[in-house]
C-alpha atoms as a PDB file:
ATOM      1  CA  SER A   1       6.240 -14.581   7.612  1.00  0.00           C
ATOM      2  CA  ARG A   2       8.668 -12.393   8.710  1.00  0.00           C
ATOM      3  CA  ASN A   3       8.675 -12.043  12.922  1.00  0.00           C
ATOM      4  CA  THR A   4       5.901 -10.340  12.161  1.00  0.00           C
ATOM      5  CA  TYR A   5       2.284 -12.326  12.422  1.00  0.00           C
ATOM      6  CA  GLY A   6       1.040 -11.860  15.688  1.00  0.00           C
ATOM      7  CA  ARG A   7      -2.033 -14.816  17.086  1.00  0.00           C
ATOM      8  CA  PRO A   8      -4.889 -14.477  14.215  1.00  0.00           C
ATOM      9  CA  ARG A   9      -2.180 -14.676  11.445  1.00  0.00           C
ATOM     10  CA  LEU A  10      -0.921 -17.814  12.769  1.00  0.00           C
ATOM     11  CA  VAL A  11      -3.719 -19.867  13.654  1.00  0.00           C
ATOM     12  CA  GLU A  12      -4.738 -19.233  10.044  1.00  0.00           C
ATOM     13  CA  ALA A  13      -1.377 -19.865   8.383  1.00  0.00           C
ATOM     14  CA  LEU A  14      -0.728 -23.003  10.208  1.00  0.00           C
ATOM     15  CA  ARG A  15      -4.316 -23.981   9.697  1.00  0.00           C
ATOM     16  CA  ARG A  16      -3.912 -23.678   5.513  1.00  0.00           C
ATOM     17  CA  GLN A  17      -0.900 -26.535   6.629  1.00  0.00           C
ATOM     18  CA  ALA A  18      -3.079 -28.024   8.011  1.00  0.00           C
ATOM     19  CA  HIS A  19      -1.693 -27.886  11.632  1.00  0.00           C
ATOM     20  CA  ALA A  20      -5.375 -28.692  13.607  1.00  0.00           C
ATOM     21  CA  VAL A  21      -4.200 -25.519  16.713  1.00  0.00           C
ATOM     22  CA  GLY A  22      -6.799 -23.168  17.828  1.00  0.00           C
ATOM     23  CA  HIS A  23      -6.459 -19.485  19.070  1.00  0.00           C
ATOM     24  CA  LYS A  24      -6.228 -20.516  22.709  1.00  0.00           C
ATOM     25  CA  ARG A  25      -3.242 -22.962  21.692  1.00  0.00           C
ATOM     26  CA  ILE A  26      -1.272 -20.843  20.007  1.00  0.00           C
ATOM     27  CA  GLY A  27      -2.058 -18.020  22.467  1.00  0.00           C
ATOM     28  CA  ARG A  28      -0.498 -20.045  24.779  1.00  0.00           C
ATOM     29  CA  LEU A  29       2.037 -21.529  22.292  1.00  0.00           C
ATOM     30  CA  MET A  30       3.303 -17.696  21.817  1.00  0.00           C
ATOM     31  CA  HIS A  31       3.568 -16.576  25.353  1.00  0.00           C
ATOM     32  CA  GLU A  32       5.485 -19.149  26.742  1.00  0.00           C
ATOM     33  CA  GLU A  33       8.416 -18.944  23.159  1.00  0.00           C
ATOM     34  CA  HIS A  34       7.851 -14.855  23.448  1.00  0.00           C
ATOM     35  CA  ILE A  35       6.803 -14.718  20.283  1.00  0.00           C
ATOM     36  CA  GLN A  36       4.883 -11.670  19.570  1.00  0.00           C
ATOM     37  CA  GLY A  37       3.635  -9.991  16.414  1.00  0.00           C
ATOM     38  CA  LYS A  38       4.398  -6.641  15.325  1.00  0.00           C
ATOM     39  CA  CYS A  39       2.286  -4.128  16.332  1.00  0.00           C
ATOM     40  CA  LYS A  40       0.642  -1.778  13.745  1.00  0.00           C
ATOM     41  CA  GLY A  41       1.118   2.357  14.417  1.00  0.00           C
ATOM     42  CA  GLY A  42      -1.487   5.130  14.024  1.00  0.00           C
ATOM     43  CA  PHE A  43      -1.394   7.277  10.924  1.00  0.00           C
ATOM     44  CA  LYS A  44       1.475   9.226  10.347  1.00  0.00           C
ATOM     45  CA  PRO A  45       0.578  13.474   8.906  1.00  0.00           C
ATOM     46  CA  CYS A  46       0.274  12.946   4.840  1.00  0.00           C
ATOM     47  CA  THR A  47       3.529  13.507   2.927  1.00  0.00           C
ATOM     48  CA  THR A  48       2.620  15.485  -0.036  1.00  0.00           C
ATOM     49  CA  ASP A  49       2.244  18.629  -0.300  1.00  0.00           C
ATOM     50  CA  SER A  50      -1.973  19.986  -0.736  1.00  0.00           C
ATOM     51  CA  HIS A  51      -0.924  23.457  -0.088  1.00  0.00           C
ATOM     52  CA  HIS A  52      -1.130  24.213  -3.500  1.00  0.00           C
ATOM     53  CA  TYR A  53      -3.621  25.793  -6.420  1.00  0.00           C
ATOM     54  CA  LEU A  54      -4.085  23.590  -8.833  1.00  0.00           C
ATOM     55  CA  PRO A  55      -7.689  21.807  -9.397  1.00  0.00           C
ATOM     56  CA  VAL A  56      -8.867  19.102  -7.301  1.00  0.00           C
ATOM     57  CA  ALA A  57     -11.381  16.327  -8.048  1.00  0.00           C
ATOM     58  CA  ASP A  58     -13.984  15.061  -5.955  1.00  0.00           C
ATOM     59  CA  ASN A  59     -13.753  12.461  -3.526  1.00  0.00           C
ATOM     60  CA  VAL A  60     -15.343   9.489  -5.911  1.00  0.00           C
ATOM     61  CA  LEU A  61     -14.892   6.803  -3.645  1.00  0.00           C
ATOM     62  CA  ALA A  62     -16.124   8.733  -0.257  1.00  0.00           C
ATOM     63  CA  ARG A  63     -14.677   5.443   1.586  1.00  0.00           C
ATOM     64  CA  GLN A  64     -15.488   2.317  -0.148  1.00  0.00           C
ATOM     65  CA  PHE A  65     -13.208   0.173   0.688  1.00  0.00           C
ATOM     66  CA  SER A  66     -14.763  -3.290   0.530  1.00  0.00           C
ATOM     67  CA  VAL A  67     -12.933  -5.398  -1.557  1.00  0.00           C
ATOM     68  CA  GLY A  68     -16.340  -6.611  -2.852  1.00  0.00           C
ATOM     69  CA  SER A  69     -16.887  -3.126  -4.667  1.00  0.00           C
ATOM     70  CA  ALA A  70     -18.223  -3.218  -7.888  1.00  0.00           C
ATOM     71  CA  THR A  71     -16.284  -0.120  -9.500  1.00  0.00           C
ATOM     72  CA  PRO A  72     -12.686  -1.073 -10.139  1.00  0.00           C
ATOM     73  CA  THR A  73     -10.910   1.060  -7.692  1.00  0.00           C
ATOM     74  CA  TRP A  74      -7.065   2.119  -6.962  1.00  0.00           C
ATOM     75  CA  VAL A  75      -5.140   4.395  -4.531  1.00  0.00           C
ATOM     76  CA  SER A  76      -2.282   6.014  -4.181  1.00  0.00           C
ATOM     77  CA  ASP A  77      -0.106   8.195  -1.547  1.00  0.00           C
ATOM     78  CA  ILE A  78       3.431   8.541  -0.863  1.00  0.00           C
ATOM     79  CA  THR A  79       5.954   8.055   1.937  1.00  0.00           C
ATOM     80  CA  TYR A  80       9.196   8.554   2.835  1.00  0.00           C
ATOM     81  CA  ILE A  81      11.975   5.691   3.834  1.00  0.00           C
ATOM     82  CA  ALA A  82      15.239   6.678   5.901  1.00  0.00           C
ATOM     83  CA  THR A  83      18.633   5.587   4.539  1.00  0.00           C
ATOM     84  CA  LYS A  84      21.669   6.811   6.115  1.00  0.00           C
ATOM     85  CA  GLU A  85      22.735   8.204   2.570  1.00  0.00           C
ATOM     86  CA  GLY A  86      20.088  10.405   2.585  1.00  0.00           C
ATOM     87  CA  TRP A  87      15.793  10.202   2.475  1.00  0.00           C
ATOM     88  CA  LEU A  88      13.730   8.413  -0.413  1.00  0.00           C
ATOM     89  CA  TYR A  89      10.995   8.953  -1.453  1.00  0.00           C
ATOM     90  CA  LEU A  90       8.076   5.244  -2.144  1.00  0.00           C
ATOM     91  CA  ALA A  91       5.170   6.381  -4.575  1.00  0.00           C
ATOM     92  CA  VAL A  92       2.598   2.751  -4.931  1.00  0.00           C
ATOM     93  CA  VAL A  93      -0.287   2.253  -6.168  1.00  0.00           C
ATOM     94  CA  LEU A  94      -2.497  -0.436  -4.658  1.00  0.00           C
ATOM     95  CA  SER A  95      -5.489  -2.129  -5.545  1.00  0.00           C
ATOM     96  CA  ILE A  96      -9.125  -1.965  -3.001  1.00  0.00           C
ATOM     97  CA  GLN A  97     -10.169  -5.262  -5.101  1.00  0.00           C
ATOM     98  CA  THR A  98      -7.684  -7.157  -4.646  1.00  0.00           C
ATOM     99  CA  ARG A  99      -5.705  -5.163  -2.079  1.00  0.00           C
ATOM    100  CA  GLN A 100      -2.279  -5.972  -4.579  1.00  0.00           C
ATOM    101  CA  VAL A 101       0.480  -3.394  -5.051  1.00  0.00           C
ATOM    102  CA  LEU A 102       0.053  -2.755  -8.451  1.00  0.00           C
ATOM    103  CA  GLY A 103       2.786  -0.476  -9.214  1.00  0.00           C
ATOM    104  CA  TYR A 104       5.143   1.577  -7.305  1.00  0.00           C
ATOM    105  CA  SER A 105       8.128   4.310  -8.223  1.00  0.00           C
ATOM    106  CA  LEU A 106      11.077   5.131  -5.959  1.00  0.00           C
ATOM    107  CA  ALA A 107      13.206   8.890  -5.643  1.00  0.00           C
ATOM    108  CA  ASP A 108      15.357  10.599  -4.376  1.00  0.00           C
ATOM    109  CA  ARG A 109      13.785  13.684  -3.975  1.00  0.00           C
ATOM    110  CA  MET A 110      10.170  13.575  -4.671  1.00  0.00           C
ATOM    111  CA  PRO A 111       9.471  15.056  -8.795  1.00  0.00           C
ATOM    112  CA  ASP A 112       6.186  15.493 -10.358  1.00  0.00           C
ATOM    113  CA  ASP A 113       6.578  12.384 -12.239  1.00  0.00           C
ATOM    114  CA  LEU A 114       6.790  10.520  -9.431  1.00  0.00           C
ATOM    115  CA  VAL A 115       3.245   9.673  -9.209  1.00  0.00           C
ATOM    116  CA  GLU A 116       3.213   9.239 -12.585  1.00  0.00           C
ATOM    117  CA  ARG A 117       6.109   6.395 -12.918  1.00  0.00           C
ATOM    118  CA  ALA A 118       4.351   4.550 -10.542  1.00  0.00           C
ATOM    119  CA  PHE A 119       0.417   4.610 -12.319  1.00  0.00           C
ATOM    120  CA  ILE A 120       2.675   3.671 -15.623  1.00  0.00           C
ATOM    121  CA  ASN A 121       4.132   0.672 -13.856  1.00  0.00           C
ATOM    122  CA  ALA A 122       0.255  -0.767 -12.287  1.00  0.00           C
ATOM    123  CA  TRP A 123      -0.896   0.374 -15.715  1.00  0.00           C
ATOM    124  CA  ASN A 124       1.545  -1.801 -17.662  1.00  0.00           C
ATOM    125  CA  ALA A 125       0.709  -4.571 -15.289  1.00  0.00           C
ATOM    126  CA  CYS A 126      -2.964  -4.505 -15.692  1.00  0.00           C
ATOM    127  CA  LEU A 127      -3.066  -3.780 -19.344  1.00  0.00           C
ATOM    128  CA  GLY A 128      -6.497  -2.984 -21.303  1.00  0.00           C
ATOM    129  CA  LEU A 129      -7.997  -2.343 -17.846  1.00  0.00           C
ATOM    130  CA  TYR A 130     -10.075   0.964 -18.604  1.00  0.00           C
ATOM    131  CA  GLY A 131     -12.771   2.774 -16.248  1.00  0.00           C
ATOM    132  CA  VAL A 132     -11.206   2.725 -13.181  1.00  0.00           C
ATOM    133  CA  VAL A 133     -11.380   5.400 -10.668  1.00  0.00           C
ATOM    134  CA  PHE A 134      -7.822   6.828  -9.024  1.00  0.00           C
ATOM    135  CA  HIS A 135      -7.861   8.000  -5.671  1.00  0.00           C
ATOM    136  CA  SER A 136      -5.243  10.042  -3.734  1.00  0.00           C
ATOM    137  CA  ASP A 137      -5.095  12.774  -1.341  1.00  0.00           C
ATOM    138  CA  GLN A 138      -4.837  16.404  -2.575  1.00  0.00           C
ATOM    139  CA  GLY A 139      -0.736  16.088  -3.452  1.00  0.00           C
ATOM    140  CA  ARG A 140       0.369  18.581  -6.455  1.00  0.00           C
ATOM    141  CA  GLN A 141       1.744  16.023  -7.788  1.00  0.00           C
ATOM    142  CA  TYR A 142      -1.578  14.162  -8.310  1.00  0.00           C
ATOM    143  CA  ALA A 143      -2.744  17.540  -8.998  1.00  0.00           C
ATOM    144  CA  SER A 144      -0.698  18.263 -11.814  1.00  0.00           C
ATOM    145  CA  SER A 145      -1.728  19.177 -15.328  1.00  0.00           C
ATOM    146  CA  LYS A 146       0.153  16.246 -16.645  1.00  0.00           C
ATOM    147  CA  PHE A 147      -1.067  13.480 -14.059  1.00  0.00           C
ATOM    148  CA  ARG A 148      -4.450  14.314 -14.574  1.00  0.00           C
ATOM    149  CA  PHE A 149      -4.198  14.300 -18.320  1.00  0.00           C
ATOM    150  CA  ALA A 150      -2.476  10.634 -18.150  1.00  0.00           C
ATOM    151  CA  LEU A 151      -5.319   9.498 -15.832  1.00  0.00           C
ATOM    152  CA  ALA A 152      -7.634  10.714 -18.639  1.00  0.00           C
ATOM    153  CA  LYS A 153      -5.428  10.250 -21.487  1.00  0.00           C
ATOM    154  CA  LYS A 154      -6.212   5.952 -19.814  1.00  0.00           C
ATOM    155  CA  GLY A 155      -9.733   6.454 -19.573  1.00  0.00           C
ATOM    156  CA  PHE A 156      -9.060   6.633 -15.621  1.00  0.00           C
ATOM    157  CA  THR A 157     -11.521   8.365 -13.589  1.00  0.00           C
ATOM    158  CA  GLN A 158      -9.791  10.550 -10.357  1.00  0.00           C
ATOM    159  CA  SER A 159     -10.813  11.107  -6.783  1.00  0.00           C
ATOM    160  CA  MET A 160      -8.910  12.936  -3.880  1.00  0.00           C
ATOM    161  CA  SER A 161      -9.755  12.481  -0.044  1.00  0.00           C
ATOM    162  CA  ARG A 162     -10.698  15.987   1.733  1.00  0.00           C
ATOM    163  CA  LYS A 163      -8.346  18.131   2.238  1.00  0.00           C
ATOM    164  CA  GLY A 164      -5.878  16.651   5.622  1.00  0.00           C
ATOM    165  CA  ASN A 165      -8.577  13.994   5.738  1.00  0.00           C
ATOM    166  CA  CYS A 166      -5.506  10.654   5.875  1.00  0.00           C
ATOM    167  CA  TRP A 167      -9.155   8.236   6.797  1.00  0.00           C
ATOM    168  CA  ASP A 168     -10.448   9.235   2.893  1.00  0.00           C
ATOM    169  CA  ASN A 169      -7.337   7.471   1.475  1.00  0.00           C
ATOM    170  CA  ALA A 170      -6.987   4.644   4.552  1.00  0.00           C
ATOM    171  CA  VAL A 171      -6.240   1.606   1.817  1.00  0.00           C
ATOM    172  CA  ALA A 172      -3.471   3.133   1.142  1.00  0.00           C
ATOM    173  CA  GLU A 173      -2.564   4.145   4.677  1.00  0.00           C
ATOM    174  CA  SER A 174      -2.473   1.166   5.576  1.00  0.00           C
ATOM    175  CA  PHE A 175      -0.036   0.083   3.217  1.00  0.00           C
ATOM    176  CA  PHE A 176       2.468   2.553   4.500  1.00  0.00           C
ATOM    177  CA  ALA A 177       1.995   1.446   8.177  1.00  0.00           C
ATOM    178  CA  THR A 178       2.326  -2.105   7.506  1.00  0.00           C
ATOM    179  CA  LEU A 179       5.860  -0.983   5.509  1.00  0.00           C
ATOM    180  CA  LYS A 180       7.422   1.081   8.151  1.00  0.00           C
ATOM    181  CA  ARG A 181       6.175  -1.718  10.569  1.00  0.00           C
ATOM    182  CA  GLU A 182       7.464  -4.577   8.956  1.00  0.00           C
ATOM    183  CA  GLU A 183      10.240  -3.648   6.848  1.00  0.00           C
ATOM    184  CA  ALA A 184      11.231  -0.078   6.062  1.00  0.00           C
ATOM    185  CA  CYS A 185      11.290  -0.266  10.642  1.00  0.00           C
ATOM    186  CA  ARG A 186      14.868   1.309  10.200  1.00  0.00           C
ATOM    187  CA  VAL A 187      17.607   3.136   8.666  1.00  0.00           C
ATOM    188  CA  TYR A 188      18.745   0.981   5.599  1.00  0.00           C
ATOM    189  CA  PRO A 189      23.138   1.244   5.379  1.00  0.00           C
ATOM    190  CA  SER A 190      22.410   2.592   1.649  1.00  0.00           C
ATOM    191  CA  LYS A 191      20.197   3.948  -1.184  1.00  0.00           C
ATOM    192  CA  GLN A 192      20.900   1.193  -2.919  1.00  0.00           C
ATOM    193  CA  GLN A 193      20.264  -1.749  -0.416  1.00  0.00           C
ATOM    194  CA  ALA A 194      16.430   0.370   0.679  1.00  0.00           C
ATOM    195  CA  HIS A 195      15.529   0.003  -2.971  1.00  0.00           C
ATOM    196  CA  LEU A 196      16.150  -3.915  -3.222  1.00  0.00           C
ATOM    197  CA  ALA A 197      14.987  -4.408   0.402  1.00  0.00           C
ATOM    198  CA  ILE A 198      11.147  -2.170  -0.767  1.00  0.00           C
ATOM    199  CA  ALA A 199      11.361  -4.595  -4.075  1.00  0.00           C
ATOM    200  CA  ASN A 200      11.974  -7.980  -1.946  1.00  0.00           C
ATOM    201  CA  TYR A 201       9.314  -7.066   0.427  1.00  0.00           C
ATOM    202  CA  ILE A 202       6.631  -6.712  -2.147  1.00  0.00           C
ATOM    203  CA  HIS A 203       6.922  -8.727  -4.617  1.00  0.00           C
ATOM    204  CA  GLY A 204       8.954 -11.291  -2.168  1.00  0.00           C
ATOM    205  CA  PHE A 205       5.945 -11.347   0.339  1.00  0.00           C
ATOM    206  CA  TYR A 206       3.469  -8.730   0.655  1.00  0.00           C
ATOM    207  CA  ASN A 207       2.297  -9.426  -2.590  1.00  0.00           C
ATOM    208  CA  SER A 208       2.744 -13.240  -2.922  1.00  0.00           C
ATOM    209  CA  SER A 209       2.589 -14.597   0.988  1.00  0.00           C
ATOM    210  CA  ARG A 210       1.204 -11.990   2.734  1.00  0.00           C
ATOM    211  CA  LEU A 211      -2.056 -13.235   4.760  1.00  0.00           C
ATOM    212  CA  HIS A 212      -4.478 -10.034   4.956  1.00  0.00           C
ATOM    213  CA  SER A 213      -7.507 -10.059   7.045  1.00  0.00           C
ATOM    214  CA  ALA A 214      -9.839  -8.200   4.658  1.00  0.00           C
ATOM    215  CA  LEU A 215      -8.922 -11.015   1.985  1.00  0.00           C
ATOM    216  CA  GLY A 216     -10.156 -13.631   4.208  1.00  0.00           C
ATOM    217  CA  TYR A 217      -6.711 -14.606   5.602  1.00  0.00           C
ATOM    218  CA  ARG A 218      -5.125 -14.717   1.472  1.00  0.00           C
ATOM    219  CA  SER A 219      -2.124 -13.488  -0.026  1.00  0.00           C
ATOM    220  CA  PRO A 220      -3.212 -10.520  -2.489  1.00  0.00           C
ATOM    221  CA  ASN A 221      -2.255 -12.164  -5.228  1.00  0.00           C
ATOM    222  CA  GLU A 222      -3.977 -15.454  -4.476  1.00  0.00           C
ATOM    223  CA  TYR A 223      -7.226 -13.975  -4.148  1.00  0.00           C
ATOM    224  CA  ALA A 224      -6.732 -11.619  -7.359  1.00  0.00           C
ATOM    225  CA  LYS A 225      -6.519 -15.692  -8.928  1.00  0.00           C
END
């Protein structure tokens, strides 16, 4: 688990390996061995710039975050990654139904096409998927005419959080909190190393192996199958 799991996930992980263990026993052993899971921090202020006069979409998602939701829904957001060579900006697209990171994009700056590249990467991984709700905050990148056209061209319905309300995009915010706790919790020596580390975390751990409580303690890829 990359030294990140607390007691509940450790219990589930061990049971999946046919070990007959309970929460009290694992709690006791963790205490004896000084093992402690990494605690999730609170939400951080949104990175995107919502101070603009571009059109804003309605909040179609309306906090319907259940994996059992009948309407296919993707959520997206932007965060920053610290390196000794300067900041990197990360845009991700996740599925509400599977919690998979479907696509992402990294850039030295925060260009308007940062979120479009993440969206196209996600769409290429799910070819033929139409009628999806795409939810984000009211950031300028998401409200741009180019991005709105890209969504409409693929048959997506755009949804946006209420202004300044990060809880309306809680699934994306929660992923970033997890990423900052489990992987991007330090300043990377270089931007290249940050690129490699983020890719390895998403593809080599988060999607493929990390047990997710909302998925019945299965990994996103396993739940999707």
